[in-house]
């Protein structure tokens, strides 16, 4: 049985620190995107369409109301890319949602393709 993958990363841009925590299991992935510290923010879920159906994934906001556009957009993107249920949380303190989108996209690209370190591996 394979365990969940957890990857953390950060980017400093626009005089702010942007963080990502990525958790991937066999059937789903969760990304926490935040400014300055790891926190749960507006949470959206997206479910990929079956392969024989066209169109974007179905999505909904589960929690919060501040960054709903970005949370749904990134959840739909991740569900389409990974072909899994995707949950995305966005927490911003000072940076505007639209300004943070490009930084968060970079973070998602980094953590969603990164290979986790193998437990017990020696260098």
PDB file of N, CA and C in Angstrom:
ATOM      1  N   UNK A   1       0.844  -1.191   0.000  1.00  0.00           N
ATOM      2  CA  UNK A   1       0.000   0.000   0.000  1.00  0.00           C
ATOM      3  C   UNK A   1       0.882   1.245   0.000  1.00  0.00           C
ATOM      4  N   UNK A   2       0.650   2.115  -0.949  1.00  0.00           N
ATOM      5  CA  UNK A   2       1.437   3.331  -1.071  1.00  0.00           C
ATOM      6  C   UNK A   2       0.837   4.437  -0.223  1.00  0.00           C
ATOM      7  N   UNK A   3       1.704   5.196   0.451  1.00  0.00           N
ATOM      8  CA  UNK A   3       1.258   6.277   1.317  1.00  0.00           C
ATOM      9  C   UNK A   3       1.072   7.567   0.538  1.00  0.00           C
ATOM     10  N   UNK A   4       0.450   8.538   1.154  1.00  0.00           N
ATOM     11  CA  UNK A   4       0.230   9.838   0.541  1.00  0.00           C
ATOM     12  C   UNK A   4       1.557  10.573   0.337  1.00  0.00           C
ATOM     13  N   UNK A   5       1.602  11.384  -0.694  1.00  0.00           N
ATOM     14  CA  UNK A   5       2.748  12.232  -0.994  1.00  0.00           C
ATOM     15  C   UNK A   5       2.475  13.613  -0.422  1.00  0.00           C
ATOM     16  N   UNK A   6       3.442  14.190   0.268  1.00  0.00           N
ATOM     17  CA  UNK A   6       3.314  15.549   0.800  1.00  0.00           C
ATOM     18  C   UNK A   6       4.525  16.349   0.335  1.00  0.00           C
ATOM     19  N   UNK A   7       4.264  17.495  -0.285  1.00  0.00           N
ATOM     20  CA  UNK A   7       5.327  18.360  -0.784  1.00  0.00           C
ATOM     21  C   UNK A   7       5.029  19.791  -0.343  1.00  0.00           C
ATOM     22  N   UNK A   8       6.065  20.485   0.125  1.00  0.00           N
ATOM     23  CA  UNK A   8       5.934  21.890   0.529  1.00  0.00           C
ATOM     24  C   UNK A   8       6.895  22.727  -0.300  1.00  0.00           C
ATOM     25  N   UNK A   9       6.478  23.951  -0.624  1.00  0.00           N
ATOM     26  CA  UNK A   9       7.351  24.857  -1.361  1.00  0.00           C
ATOM     27  C   UNK A   9       6.925  26.289  -1.068  1.00  0.00           C
ATOM     28  N   UNK A  10       7.755  27.224  -1.464  1.00  0.00           N
ATOM     29  CA  UNK A  10       7.423  28.633  -1.282  1.00  0.00           C
ATOM     30  C   UNK A  10       8.116  29.483  -2.325  1.00  0.00           C
ATOM     31  N   UNK A  11       7.539  30.667  -2.562  1.00  0.00           N
ATOM     32  CA  UNK A  11       8.086  31.652  -3.494  1.00  0.00           C
ATOM     33  C   UNK A  11       7.949  33.015  -2.822  1.00  0.00           C
ATOM     34  N   UNK A  12       8.987  33.834  -2.949  1.00  0.00           N
ATOM     35  CA  UNK A  12       8.893  35.210  -2.460  1.00  0.00           C
ATOM     36  C   UNK A  12       8.802  36.120  -3.674  1.00  0.00           C
ATOM     37  N   UNK A  13       7.679  36.831  -3.772  1.00  0.00           N
ATOM     38  CA  UNK A  13       7.426  37.775  -4.869  1.00  0.00           C
ATOM     39  C   UNK A  13       6.549  38.889  -4.346  1.00  0.00           C
ATOM     40  N   UNK A  14       6.613  40.047  -4.980  1.00  0.00           N
ATOM     41  CA  UNK A  14       5.778  41.184  -4.615  1.00  0.00           C
ATOM     42  C   UNK A  14       5.937  41.527  -3.128  1.00  0.00           C
ATOM     43  N   UNK A  15       7.155  41.362  -2.606  1.00  0.00           N
ATOM     44  CA  UNK A  15       7.448  41.610  -1.192  1.00  0.00           C
ATOM     45  C   UNK A  15       6.580  40.787  -0.253  1.00  0.00           C
ATOM     46  N   UNK A  16       6.190  39.599  -0.697  1.00  0.00           N
ATOM     47  CA  UNK A  16       5.372  38.709   0.125  1.00  0.00           C
ATOM     48  C   UNK A  16       5.867  37.278  -0.046  1.00  0.00           C
ATOM     49  N   UNK A  17       5.620  36.477   0.957  1.00  0.00           N
ATOM     50  CA  UNK A  17       5.998  35.055   0.938  1.00  0.00           C
ATOM     51  C   UNK A  17       4.748  34.227   0.656  1.00  0.00           C
ATOM     52  N   UNK A  18       4.783  33.459  -0.417  1.00  0.00           N
ATOM     53  CA  UNK A  18       3.660  32.615  -0.814  1.00  0.00           C
ATOM     54  C   UNK A  18       4.038  31.152  -0.585  1.00  0.00           C
ATOM     55  N   UNK A  19       3.159  30.402   0.061  1.00  0.00           N
ATOM     56  CA  UNK A  19       3.437  29.030   0.461  1.00  0.00           C
ATOM     57  C   UNK A  19       2.467  28.050  -0.180  1.00  0.00           C
ATOM     58  N   UNK A  20       2.949  26.838  -0.375  1.00  0.00           N
ATOM     59  CA  UNK A  20       2.094  25.758  -0.877  1.00  0.00           C
ATOM     60  C   UNK A  20       2.384  24.492  -0.089  1.00  0.00           C
ATOM     61  N   UNK A  21       1.322  23.815   0.295  1.00  0.00           N
ATOM     62  CA  UNK A  21       1.412  22.477   0.865  1.00  0.00           C
ATOM     63  C   UNK A  21       0.555  21.598  -0.038  1.00  0.00           C
ATOM     64  N   UNK A  22       1.167  20.565  -0.592  1.00  0.00           N
ATOM     65  CA  UNK A  22       0.496  19.690  -1.560  1.00  0.00           C
ATOM     66  C   UNK A  22       0.445  18.278  -0.993  1.00  0.00           C
ATOM     67  N   UNK A  23      -0.739  17.707  -0.966  1.00  0.00           N
ATOM     68  CA  UNK A  23      -0.934  16.338  -0.494  1.00  0.00           C
ATOM     69  C   UNK A  23      -1.648  15.572  -1.599  1.00  0.00           C
ATOM     70  N   UNK A  24      -1.063  14.446  -2.016  1.00  0.00           N
ATOM     71  CA  UNK A  24      -1.670  13.648  -3.079  1.00  0.00           C
ATOM     72  C   UNK A  24      -1.837  12.209  -2.618  1.00  0.00           C
ATOM     73  N   UNK A  25      -3.035  11.679  -2.816  1.00  0.00           N
ATOM     74  CA  UNK A  25      -3.321  10.281  -2.551  1.00  0.00           C
ATOM     75  C   UNK A  25      -3.664   9.613  -3.873  1.00  0.00           C
ATOM     76  N   UNK A  26      -4.001   8.355  -3.826  1.00  0.00           N
ATOM     77  CA  UNK A  26      -4.304   7.614  -5.051  1.00  0.00           C
ATOM     78  C   UNK A  26      -5.480   8.214  -5.818  1.00  0.00           C
ATOM     79  N   UNK A  27      -6.483   8.746  -5.099  1.00  0.00           N
ATOM     80  CA  UNK A  27      -7.685   9.232  -5.782  1.00  0.00           C
ATOM     81  C   UNK A  27      -7.948  10.723  -5.630  1.00  0.00           C
ATOM     82  N   UNK A  28      -7.048  11.459  -4.971  1.00  0.00           N
ATOM     83  CA  UNK A  28      -7.320  12.877  -4.760  1.00  0.00           C
ATOM     84  C   UNK A  28      -6.046  13.664  -4.509  1.00  0.00           C
ATOM     85  N   UNK A  29      -6.190  14.991  -4.563  1.00  0.00           N
ATOM     86  CA  UNK A  29      -5.085  15.863  -4.182  1.00  0.00           C
ATOM     87  C   UNK A  29      -5.651  17.109  -3.492  1.00  0.00           C
ATOM     88  N   UNK A  30      -4.872  17.627  -2.574  1.00  0.00           N
ATOM     89  CA  UNK A  30      -5.237  18.800  -1.792  1.00  0.00           C
ATOM     90  C   UNK A  30      -4.077  19.771  -1.840  1.00  0.00           C
ATOM     91  N   UNK A  31      -4.370  21.042  -2.109  1.00  0.00           N
ATOM     92  CA  UNK A  31      -3.339  22.066  -2.113  1.00  0.00           C
ATOM     93  C   UNK A  31      -3.782  23.208  -1.208  1.00  0.00           C
ATOM     94  N   UNK A  32      -2.917  23.558  -0.261  1.00  0.00           N
ATOM     95  CA  UNK A  32      -3.136  24.733   0.571  1.00  0.00           C
ATOM     96  C   UNK A  32      -2.214  25.819   0.052  1.00  0.00           C
ATOM     97  N   UNK A  33      -2.778  26.891  -0.461  1.00  0.00           N
ATOM     98  CA  UNK A  33      -2.010  28.021  -0.975  1.00  0.00           C
ATOM     99  C   UNK A  33      -2.249  29.194  -0.034  1.00  0.00           C
ATOM    100  N   UNK A  34      -1.172  29.806   0.456  1.00  0.00           N
ATOM    101  CA  UNK A  34      -1.370  30.875   1.420  1.00  0.00           C
ATOM    102  C   UNK A  34      -0.249  31.895   1.357  1.00  0.00           C
ATOM    103  N   UNK A  35      -0.512  33.026   1.987  1.00  0.00           N
ATOM    104  CA  UNK A  35       0.451  34.112   2.082  1.00  0.00           C
ATOM    105  C   UNK A  35       0.979  34.169   3.505  1.00  0.00           C
ATOM    106  N   UNK A  36       2.299  34.183   3.650  1.00  0.00           N
ATOM    107  CA  UNK A  36       2.994  34.412   4.906  1.00  0.00           C
ATOM    108  C   UNK A  36       3.038  33.228   5.870  1.00  0.00           C
ATOM    109  N   UNK A  37       1.964  32.461   6.010  1.00  0.00           N
ATOM    110  CA  UNK A  37       1.959  31.301   6.899  1.00  0.00           C
ATOM    111  C   UNK A  37       0.952  30.272   6.382  1.00  0.00           C
ATOM    112  N   UNK A  38       1.173  29.004   6.736  1.00  0.00           N
ATOM    113  CA  UNK A  38       0.253  27.951   6.299  1.00  0.00           C
ATOM    114  C   UNK A  38      -1.058  28.088   7.061  1.00  0.00           C
ATOM    115  N   UNK A  39      -2.134  28.362   6.328  1.00  0.00           N
ATOM    116  CA  UNK A  39      -3.460  28.499   6.918  1.00  0.00           C
ATOM    117  C   UNK A  39      -4.502  27.982   5.941  1.00  0.00           C
ATOM    118  N   UNK A  40      -5.609  27.515   6.481  1.00  0.00           N
ATOM    119  CA  UNK A  40      -6.744  27.131   5.652  1.00  0.00           C
ATOM    120  C   UNK A  40      -7.515  28.389   5.291  1.00  0.00           C
ATOM    121  N   UNK A  41      -7.869  28.501   4.033  1.00  0.00           N
ATOM    122  CA  UNK A  41      -8.633  29.657   3.569  1.00  0.00           C
ATOM    123  C   UNK A  41      -9.873  29.190   2.830  1.00  0.00           C
ATOM    124  N   UNK A  42     -10.273  29.955   1.853  1.00  0.00           N
ATOM    125  CA  UNK A  42     -11.414  29.584   1.029  1.00  0.00           C
ATOM    126  C   UNK A  42     -11.110  28.256   0.357  1.00  0.00           C
ATOM    127  N   UNK A  43     -12.018  27.297   0.523  1.00  0.00           N
ATOM    128  CA  UNK A  43     -11.779  25.929   0.067  1.00  0.00           C
ATOM    129  C   UNK A  43     -12.764  25.549  -1.033  1.00  0.00           C
ATOM    130  N   UNK A  44     -12.214  25.099  -2.165  1.00  0.00           N
ATOM    131  CA  UNK A  44     -13.041  24.664  -3.300  1.00  0.00           C
ATOM    132  C   UNK A  44     -12.706  23.216  -3.637  1.00  0.00           C
ATOM    133  N   UNK A  45     -13.690  22.534  -4.189  1.00  0.00           N
ATOM    134  CA  UNK A  45     -13.505  21.155  -4.633  1.00  0.00           C
ATOM    135  C   UNK A  45     -13.879  21.070  -6.108  1.00  0.00           C
ATOM    136  N   UNK A  46     -13.177  20.215  -6.832  1.00  0.00           N
ATOM    137  CA  UNK A  46     -13.504  19.954  -8.238  1.00  0.00           C
ATOM    138  C   UNK A  46     -13.396  18.455  -8.481  1.00  0.00           C
ATOM    139  N   UNK A  47     -14.334  17.950  -9.261  1.00  0.00           N
ATOM    140  CA  UNK A  47     -14.377  16.531  -9.612  1.00  0.00           C
ATOM    141  C   UNK A  47     -14.224  16.434 -11.123  1.00  0.00           C
ATOM    142  N   UNK A  48     -13.231  15.670 -11.603  1.00  0.00           N
ATOM    143  CA  UNK A  48     -13.025  15.591 -13.057  1.00  0.00           C
ATOM    144  C   UNK A  48     -14.189  14.894 -13.751  1.00  0.00           C
ATOM    145  N   UNK A  49     -14.418  15.296 -14.975  1.00  0.00           N
ATOM    146  CA  UNK A  49     -15.451  14.635 -15.788  1.00  0.00           C
ATOM    147  C   UNK A  49     -14.937  13.256 -16.208  1.00  0.00           C
ATOM    148  N   UNK A  50     -15.848  12.300 -16.369  1.00  0.00           N
ATOM    149  CA  UNK A  50     -15.428  11.009 -16.936  1.00  0.00           C
ATOM    150  C   UNK A  50     -14.803  11.242 -18.313  1.00  0.00           C
ATOM    151  N   UNK A  51     -13.909  10.357 -18.736  1.00  0.00           N
ATOM    152  CA  UNK A  51     -13.169  10.556 -19.982  1.00  0.00           C
ATOM    153  C   UNK A  51     -14.059  10.656 -21.210  1.00  0.00           C
ATOM    154  N   UNK A  52     -15.243  10.049 -21.177  1.00  0.00           N
ATOM    155  CA  UNK A  52     -16.110  10.088 -22.356  1.00  0.00           C
ATOM    156  C   UNK A  52     -16.984  11.343 -22.426  1.00  0.00           C
ATOM    157  N   UNK A  53     -16.904  12.219 -21.416  1.00  0.00           N
ATOM    158  CA  UNK A  53     -17.677  13.460 -21.416  1.00  0.00           C
ATOM    159  C   UNK A  53     -16.765  14.661 -21.620  1.00  0.00           C
ATOM    160  N   UNK A  54     -17.236  15.627 -22.394  1.00  0.00           N
ATOM    161  CA  UNK A  54     -16.481  16.844 -22.624  1.00  0.00           C
ATOM    162  C   UNK A  54     -16.878  17.905 -21.614  1.00  0.00           C
ATOM    163  N   UNK A  55     -16.014  18.876 -21.440  1.00  0.00           N
ATOM    164  CA  UNK A  55     -16.331  19.998 -20.576  1.00  0.00           C
ATOM    165  C   UNK A  55     -15.437  20.056 -19.354  1.00  0.00           C
ATOM    166  N   UNK A  56     -15.545  21.174 -18.644  1.00  0.00           N
ATOM    167  CA  UNK A  56     -14.701  21.353 -17.460  1.00  0.00           C
ATOM    168  C   UNK A  56     -15.183  20.497 -16.294  1.00  0.00           C
ATOM    169  N   UNK A  57     -14.329  20.321 -15.295  1.00  0.00           N
ATOM    170  CA  UNK A  57     -14.738  19.576 -14.104  1.00  0.00           C
ATOM    171  C   UNK A  57     -15.869  20.306 -13.377  1.00  0.00           C
ATOM    172  N   UNK A  58     -16.648  19.570 -12.619  1.00  0.00           N
ATOM    173  CA  UNK A  58     -17.660  20.174 -11.760  1.00  0.00           C
ATOM    174  C   UNK A  58     -16.943  20.703 -10.529  1.00  0.00           C
ATOM    175  N   UNK A  59     -17.327  21.901 -10.074  1.00  0.00           N
ATOM    176  CA  UNK A  59     -16.654  22.461  -8.908  1.00  0.00           C
ATOM    177  C   UNK A  59     -17.625  23.238  -8.042  1.00  0.00           C
ATOM    178  N   UNK A  60     -17.205  23.440  -6.793  1.00  0.00           N
ATOM    179  CA  UNK A  60     -18.019  24.173  -5.835  1.00  0.00           C
ATOM    180  C   UNK A  60     -17.124  24.704  -4.732  1.00  0.00           C
ATOM    181  N   UNK A  61     -17.529  25.805  -4.126  1.00  0.00           N
ATOM    182  CA  UNK A  61     -16.825  26.334  -2.967  1.00  0.00           C
ATOM    183  C   UNK A  61     -17.435  25.714  -1.724  1.00  0.00           C
ATOM    184  N   UNK A  62     -16.591  25.135  -0.888  1.00  0.00           N
ATOM    185  CA  UNK A  62     -17.056  24.473   0.332  1.00  0.00           C
ATOM    186  C   UNK A  62     -17.004  25.375   1.552  1.00  0.00           C
ATOM    187  N   UNK A  63     -16.044  26.291   1.566  1.00  0.00           N
ATOM    188  CA  UNK A  63     -15.801  27.090   2.758  1.00  0.00           C
ATOM    189  C   UNK A  63     -15.259  28.446   2.358  1.00  0.00           C
ATOM    190  N   UNK A  64     -15.764  29.507   2.953  1.00  0.00           N
ATOM    191  CA  UNK A  64     -15.236  30.844   2.727  1.00  0.00           C
ATOM    192  C   UNK A  64     -15.877  31.565   1.566  1.00  0.00           C
ATOM    193  N   UNK A  65     -15.521  32.850   1.442  1.00  0.00           N
ATOM    194  CA  UNK A  65     -16.097  33.661   0.370  1.00  0.00           C
ATOM    195  C   UNK A  65     -15.151  34.731  -0.163  1.00  0.00           C
ATOM    196  N   UNK A  66     -13.900  34.750   0.288  1.00  0.00           N
ATOM    197  CA  UNK A  66     -12.991  35.819  -0.125  1.00  0.00           C
ATOM    198  C   UNK A  66     -12.306  35.564  -1.459  1.00  0.00           C
ATOM    199  N   UNK A  67     -11.799  34.383  -1.706  1.00  0.00           N
ATOM    200  CA  UNK A  67     -11.000  34.104  -2.903  1.00  0.00           C
ATOM    201  C   UNK A  67     -11.628  32.982  -3.722  1.00  0.00           C
ATOM    202  N   UNK A  68     -12.924  33.071  -3.931  1.00  0.00           N
ATOM    203  CA  UNK A  68     -13.667  31.978  -4.562  1.00  0.00           C
ATOM    204  C   UNK A  68     -13.281  31.756  -6.019  1.00  0.00           C
ATOM    205  N   UNK A  69     -12.985  32.824  -6.731  1.00  0.00           N
ATOM    206  CA  UNK A  69     -12.638  32.678  -8.150  1.00  0.00           C
ATOM    207  C   UNK A  69     -11.367  31.850  -8.300  1.00  0.00           C
ATOM    208  N   UNK A  70     -10.325  32.234  -7.559  1.00  0.00           N
ATOM    209  CA  UNK A  70      -9.049  31.510  -7.651  1.00  0.00           C
ATOM    210  C   UNK A  70      -9.168  30.088  -7.129  1.00  0.00           C
ATOM    211  N   UNK A  71      -9.862  29.900  -6.020  1.00  0.00           N
ATOM    212  CA  UNK A  71      -9.977  28.561  -5.439  1.00  0.00           C
ATOM    213  C   UNK A  71     -10.655  27.604  -6.423  1.00  0.00           C
ATOM    214  N   UNK A  72     -11.751  28.028  -7.029  1.00  0.00           N
ATOM    215  CA  UNK A  72     -12.441  27.167  -8.005  1.00  0.00           C
ATOM    216  C   UNK A  72     -11.600  26.964  -9.262  1.00  0.00           C
ATOM    217  N   UNK A  73     -10.979  28.019  -9.742  1.00  0.00           N
ATOM    218  CA  UNK A  73     -10.171  27.928 -10.957  1.00  0.00           C
ATOM    219  C   UNK A  73      -9.030  26.926 -10.777  1.00  0.00           C
ATOM    220  N   UNK A  74      -8.299  27.028  -9.655  1.00  0.00           N
ATOM    221  CA  UNK A  74      -7.184  26.121  -9.421  1.00  0.00           C
ATOM    222  C   UNK A  74      -7.655  24.702  -9.128  1.00  0.00           C
ATOM    223  N   UNK A  75      -8.787  24.548  -8.455  1.00  0.00           N
ATOM    224  CA  UNK A  75      -9.326  23.203  -8.206  1.00  0.00           C
ATOM    225  C   UNK A  75      -9.700  22.531  -9.529  1.00  0.00           C
ATOM    226  N   UNK A  76     -10.354  23.274 -10.418  1.00  0.00           N
ATOM    227  CA  UNK A  76     -10.722  22.722 -11.726  1.00  0.00           C
ATOM    228  C   UNK A  76      -9.478  22.388 -12.543  1.00  0.00           C
ATOM    229  N   UNK A  77      -8.480  23.248 -12.503  1.00  0.00           N
ATOM    230  CA  UNK A  77      -7.233  23.005 -13.236  1.00  0.00           C
ATOM    231  C   UNK A  77      -6.561  21.729 -12.742  1.00  0.00           C
ATOM    232  N   UNK A  78      -6.448  21.589 -11.430  1.00  0.00           N
ATOM    233  CA  UNK A  78      -5.782  20.427 -10.853  1.00  0.00           C
ATOM    234  C   UNK A  78      -6.564  19.143 -11.121  1.00  0.00           C
ATOM    235  N   UNK A  79      -7.895  19.197 -11.020  1.00  0.00           N
ATOM    236  CA  UNK A  79      -8.717  18.010 -11.299  1.00  0.00           C
ATOM    237  C   UNK A  79      -8.546  17.570 -12.748  1.00  0.00           C
ATOM    238  N   UNK A  80      -8.495  18.508 -13.666  1.00  0.00           N
ATOM    239  CA  UNK A  80      -8.299  18.181 -15.082  1.00  0.00           C
ATOM    240  C   UNK A  80      -6.916  17.597 -15.320  1.00  0.00           C
ATOM    241  N   UNK A  81      -5.933  18.194 -14.714  1.00  0.00           N
ATOM    242  CA  UNK A  81      -4.550  17.765 -14.933  1.00  0.00           C
ATOM    243  C   UNK A  81      -4.252  16.405 -14.317  1.00  0.00           C
ATOM    244  N   UNK A  82      -4.713  16.185 -13.096  1.00  0.00           N
ATOM    245  CA  UNK A  82      -4.397  14.954 -12.377  1.00  0.00           C
ATOM    246  C   UNK A  82      -5.443  13.855 -12.571  1.00  0.00           C
ATOM    247  N   UNK A  83      -6.610  14.209 -13.114  1.00  0.00           N
ATOM    248  CA  UNK A  83      -7.708  13.240 -13.292  1.00  0.00           C
ATOM    249  C   UNK A  83      -8.118  12.650 -11.934  1.00  0.00           C
ATOM    250  N   UNK A  84      -8.162  13.518 -10.925  1.00  0.00           N
ATOM    251  CA  UNK A  84      -8.517  13.124  -9.565  1.00  0.00           C
ATOM    252  C   UNK A  84      -9.378  14.214  -8.941  1.00  0.00           C
ATOM    253  N   UNK A  85     -10.044  13.880  -7.850  1.00  0.00           N
ATOM    254  CA  UNK A  85     -10.735  14.887  -7.057  1.00  0.00           C
ATOM    255  C   UNK A  85      -9.682  15.861  -6.546  1.00  0.00           C
ATOM    256  N   UNK A  86      -9.963  17.159  -6.642  1.00  0.00           N
ATOM    257  CA  UNK A  86      -8.996  18.163  -6.208  1.00  0.00           C
ATOM    258  C   UNK A  86      -9.652  19.141  -5.239  1.00  0.00           C
ATOM    259  N   UNK A  87      -8.962  19.406  -4.153  1.00  0.00           N
ATOM    260  CA  UNK A  87      -9.372  20.422  -3.192  1.00  0.00           C
ATOM    261  C   UNK A  87      -8.287  21.480  -3.157  1.00  0.00           C
ATOM    262  N   UNK A  88      -8.681  22.753  -3.237  1.00  0.00           N
ATOM    263  CA  UNK A  88      -7.722  23.845  -3.207  1.00  0.00           C
ATOM    264  C   UNK A  88      -8.191  24.888  -2.203  1.00  0.00           C
ATOM    265  N   UNK A  89      -7.283  25.273  -1.307  1.00  0.00           N
ATOM    266  CA  UNK A  89      -7.556  26.311  -0.321  1.00  0.00           C
ATOM    267  C   UNK A  89      -6.674  27.514  -0.635  1.00  0.00           C
ATOM    268  N   UNK A  90      -7.267  28.721  -0.537  1.00  0.00           N
ATOM    269  CA  UNK A  90      -6.511  29.948  -0.777  1.00  0.00           C
ATOM    270  C   UNK A  90      -6.708  30.881   0.412  1.00  0.00           C
ATOM    271  N   UNK A  91      -5.580  31.279   1.030  1.00  0.00           N
ATOM    272  CA  UNK A  91      -5.603  32.221   2.144  1.00  0.00           C
ATOM    273  C   UNK A  91      -4.668  33.378   1.805  1.00  0.00           C
ATOM    274  N   UNK A  92      -5.220  34.581   1.724  1.00  0.00           N
ATOM    275  CA  UNK A  92      -4.434  35.782   1.460  1.00  0.00           C
ATOM    276  C   UNK A  92      -4.698  36.817   2.547  1.00  0.00           C
ATOM    277  N   UNK A  93      -3.620  37.481   3.008  1.00  0.00           N
ATOM    278  CA  UNK A  93      -3.773  38.517   4.035  1.00  0.00           C
ATOM    279  C   UNK A  93      -3.749  39.912   3.423  1.00  0.00           C
ATOM    280  N   UNK A  94      -2.733  40.194   2.618  1.00  0.00           N
ATOM    281  CA  UNK A  94      -2.564  41.563   2.122  1.00  0.00           C
ATOM    282  C   UNK A  94      -2.578  41.658   0.596  1.00  0.00           C
ATOM    283  N   UNK A  95      -2.169  40.617  -0.090  1.00  0.00           N
ATOM    284  CA  UNK A  95      -2.075  40.658  -1.552  1.00  0.00           C
ATOM    285  C   UNK A  95      -3.454  40.420  -2.169  1.00  0.00           C
ATOM    286  N   UNK A  96      -3.739  41.150  -3.231  1.00  0.00           N
ATOM    287  CA  UNK A  96      -4.996  41.008  -3.957  1.00  0.00           C
ATOM    288  C   UNK A  96      -5.056  39.641  -4.647  1.00  0.00           C
ATOM    289  N   UNK A  97      -6.254  39.070  -4.701  1.00  0.00           N
ATOM    290  CA  UNK A  97      -6.455  37.736  -5.294  1.00  0.00           C
ATOM    291  C   UNK A  97      -5.929  37.667  -6.724  1.00  0.00           C
ATOM    292  N   UNK A  98      -6.225  38.654  -7.538  1.00  0.00           N
ATOM    293  CA  UNK A  98      -5.799  38.622  -8.941  1.00  0.00           C
ATOM    294  C   UNK A  98      -4.280  38.745  -9.061  1.00  0.00           C
ATOM    295  N   UNK A  99      -3.638  39.507  -8.189  1.00  0.00           N
ATOM    296  CA  UNK A  99      -2.183  39.632  -8.216  1.00  0.00           C
ATOM    297  C   UNK A  99      -1.510  38.332  -7.796  1.00  0.00           C
ATOM    298  N   UNK A 100      -2.137  37.585  -6.903  1.00  0.00           N
ATOM    299  CA  UNK A 100      -1.547  36.351  -6.389  1.00  0.00           C
ATOM    300  C   UNK A 100      -1.711  35.170  -7.338  1.00  0.00           C
ATOM    301  N   UNK A 101      -2.617  35.251  -8.288  1.00  0.00           N
ATOM    302  CA  UNK A 101      -2.905  34.109  -9.158  1.00  0.00           C
ATOM    303  C   UNK A 101      -1.679  33.601  -9.904  1.00  0.00           C
ATOM    304  N   UNK A 102      -0.872  34.481 -10.450  1.00  0.00           N
ATOM    305  CA  UNK A 102       0.291  34.011 -11.222  1.00  0.00           C
ATOM    306  C   UNK A 102       1.319  33.331 -10.312  1.00  0.00           C
ATOM    307  N   UNK A 103       1.482  33.830  -9.109  1.00  0.00           N
ATOM    308  CA  UNK A 103       2.421  33.216  -8.167  1.00  0.00           C
ATOM    309  C   UNK A 103       1.886  31.846  -7.733  1.00  0.00           C
ATOM    310  N   UNK A 104       0.600  31.775  -7.433  1.00  0.00           N
ATOM    311  CA  UNK A 104       0.010  30.504  -7.019  1.00  0.00           C
ATOM    312  C   UNK A 104       0.077  29.473  -8.138  1.00  0.00           C
ATOM    313  N   UNK A 105      -0.079  29.900  -9.391  1.00  0.00           N
ATOM    314  CA  UNK A 105       0.033  28.968 -10.512  1.00  0.00           C
ATOM    315  C   UNK A 105       1.450  28.396 -10.584  1.00  0.00           C
ATOM    316  N   UNK A 106       2.456  29.241 -10.377  1.00  0.00           N
ATOM    317  CA  UNK A 106       3.838  28.757 -10.359  1.00  0.00           C
ATOM    318  C   UNK A 106       4.032  27.723  -9.253  1.00  0.00           C
ATOM    319  N   UNK A 107       3.480  28.011  -8.079  1.00  0.00           N
ATOM    320  CA  UNK A 107       3.607  27.078  -6.956  1.00  0.00           C
ATOM    321  C   UNK A 107       2.921  25.752  -7.258  1.00  0.00           C
ATOM    322  N   UNK A 108       1.728  25.806  -7.825  1.00  0.00           N
ATOM    323  CA  UNK A 108       1.011  24.570  -8.161  1.00  0.00           C
ATOM    324  C   UNK A 108       1.831  23.751  -9.155  1.00  0.00           C
ATOM    325  N   UNK A 109       2.385  24.408 -10.163  1.00  0.00           N
ATOM    326  CA  UNK A 109       3.198  23.703 -11.151  1.00  0.00           C
ATOM    327  C   UNK A 109       4.412  23.041 -10.492  1.00  0.00           C
ATOM    328  N   UNK A 110       5.028  23.726  -9.551  1.00  0.00           N
ATOM    329  CA  UNK A 110       6.208  23.169  -8.876  1.00  0.00           C
ATOM    330  C   UNK A 110       5.847  21.966  -8.015  1.00  0.00           C
ATOM    331  N   UNK A 111       4.829  22.101  -7.187  1.00  0.00           N
ATOM    332  CA  UNK A 111       4.535  21.023  -6.233  1.00  0.00           C
ATOM    333  C   UNK A 111       3.806  19.849  -6.876  1.00  0.00           C
ATOM    334  N   UNK A 112       3.006  20.103  -7.901  1.00  0.00           N
ATOM    335  CA  UNK A 112       2.243  19.015  -8.520  1.00  0.00           C
ATOM    336  C   UNK A 112       3.112  18.112  -9.384  1.00  0.00           C
ATOM    337  N   UNK A 113       4.277  18.574  -9.801  1.00  0.00           N
ATOM    338  CA  UNK A 113       5.138  17.722 -10.615  1.00  0.00           C
ATOM    339  C   UNK A 113       6.365  17.239  -9.851  1.00  0.00           C
ATOM    340  N   UNK A 114       6.593  17.789  -8.660  1.00  0.00           N
ATOM    341  CA  UNK A 114       7.776  17.417  -7.880  1.00  0.00           C
ATOM    342  C   UNK A 114       7.697  15.965  -7.436  1.00  0.00           C
ATOM    343  N   UNK A 115       8.851  15.333  -7.380  1.00  0.00           N
ATOM    344  CA  UNK A 115       8.945  13.958  -6.887  1.00  0.00           C
ATOM    345  C   UNK A 115       9.261  14.015  -5.398  1.00  0.00           C
ATOM    346  N   UNK A 116       8.483  13.323  -4.569  1.00  0.00           N
ATOM    347  CA  UNK A 116       8.755  13.346  -3.146  1.00  0.00           C
ATOM    348  C   UNK A 116      10.041  12.580  -2.823  1.00  0.00           C
ATOM    349  N   UNK A 117      10.655  12.937  -1.707  1.00  0.00           N
ATOM    350  CA  UNK A 117      11.823  12.189  -1.256  1.00  0.00           C
ATOM    351  C   UNK A 117      11.366  10.831  -0.753  1.00  0.00           C
ATOM    352  N   UNK A 118      12.083   9.800  -1.124  1.00  0.00           N
ATOM    353  CA  UNK A 118      11.747   8.444  -0.687  1.00  0.00           C
ATOM    354  C   UNK A 118      12.191   8.248   0.758  1.00  0.00           C
ATOM    355  N   UNK A 119      11.309   7.653   1.558  1.00  0.00           N
ATOM    356  CA  UNK A 119      11.652   7.379   2.940  1.00  0.00           C
ATOM    357  C   UNK A 119      12.751   6.324   2.980  1.00  0.00           C
ATOM    358  N   UNK A 120      13.733   6.568   3.825  1.00  0.00           N
ATOM    359  CA  UNK A 120      14.788   5.591   4.006  1.00  0.00           C
ATOM    360  C   UNK A 120      15.855   5.627   2.915  1.00  0.00           C
ATOM    361  N   UNK A 121      15.741   6.560   1.966  1.00  0.00           N
ATOM    362  CA  UNK A 121      16.745   6.642   0.897  1.00  0.00           C
ATOM    363  C   UNK A 121      18.030   7.235   1.454  1.00  0.00           C
ATOM    364  N   UNK A 122      19.138   6.755   0.968  1.00  0.00           N
ATOM    365  CA  UNK A 122      20.420   7.289   1.404  1.00  0.00           C
ATOM    366  C   UNK A 122      21.121   7.954   0.240  1.00  0.00           C
ATOM    367  N   UNK A 123      21.846   9.011   0.573  1.00  0.00           N
ATOM    368  CA  UNK A 123      22.522   9.767  -0.489  1.00  0.00           C
ATOM    369  C   UNK A 123      23.895   9.230  -0.748  1.00  0.00           C
TER     370      UNK A 123
END
